[in-house]
Amino acid sequence: MREEAVDDDRDDEVAQLTLGGLTVRAGHGAILTELECAFGILTPVDELVDRAMAHEDGHVGWEFAVAALAHRRDIETFLAVTAHRHDPDPRLRWFVLDVFRFLPDAALPEHLAAAAHPVREGDRGRPRGLGHGRR
């Protein structure tokens, strides 16, 4: 069996497995997340966080969880995501920043919109000190 990371049609990474003449792709959590959003199912924030943490930033599972949370406009989601901002895991803190990066300024409370703006500038450059291995 051969496994490799490939880009899907949205430029997210997904694992592709090949055995004999059969090739399949992983990313089932991302498919589930997309279906939940399409059917209006509000998956608990911590469940989406867990799905993302099972993968590296850039993987389709991470990116769909970020998109699902960033498209919500309720205060409960905002508070649940920001509750992870002081987590000891630097990947989880990066996830919080990634969600904010995709929020339109209008979705943020006014005093946080200006603070989140620098996170969105540039091309996904990593803030120093997060200890994140990729990119």
Foldseek 3Di string as FASTA:
>chain_A
DDWDWDQDPVQATWIWDDDDHDIDTDDVLLVVLVVCVVVVNDDDLVVLLVQLVVDAPRHSSLVSSLVSLQPDQDVVSVVVLVVCCPPPQLRSVVSSLSSLLSHDLVSDDVVCSVVSVVSNPDDNDDDPPSPGDDD
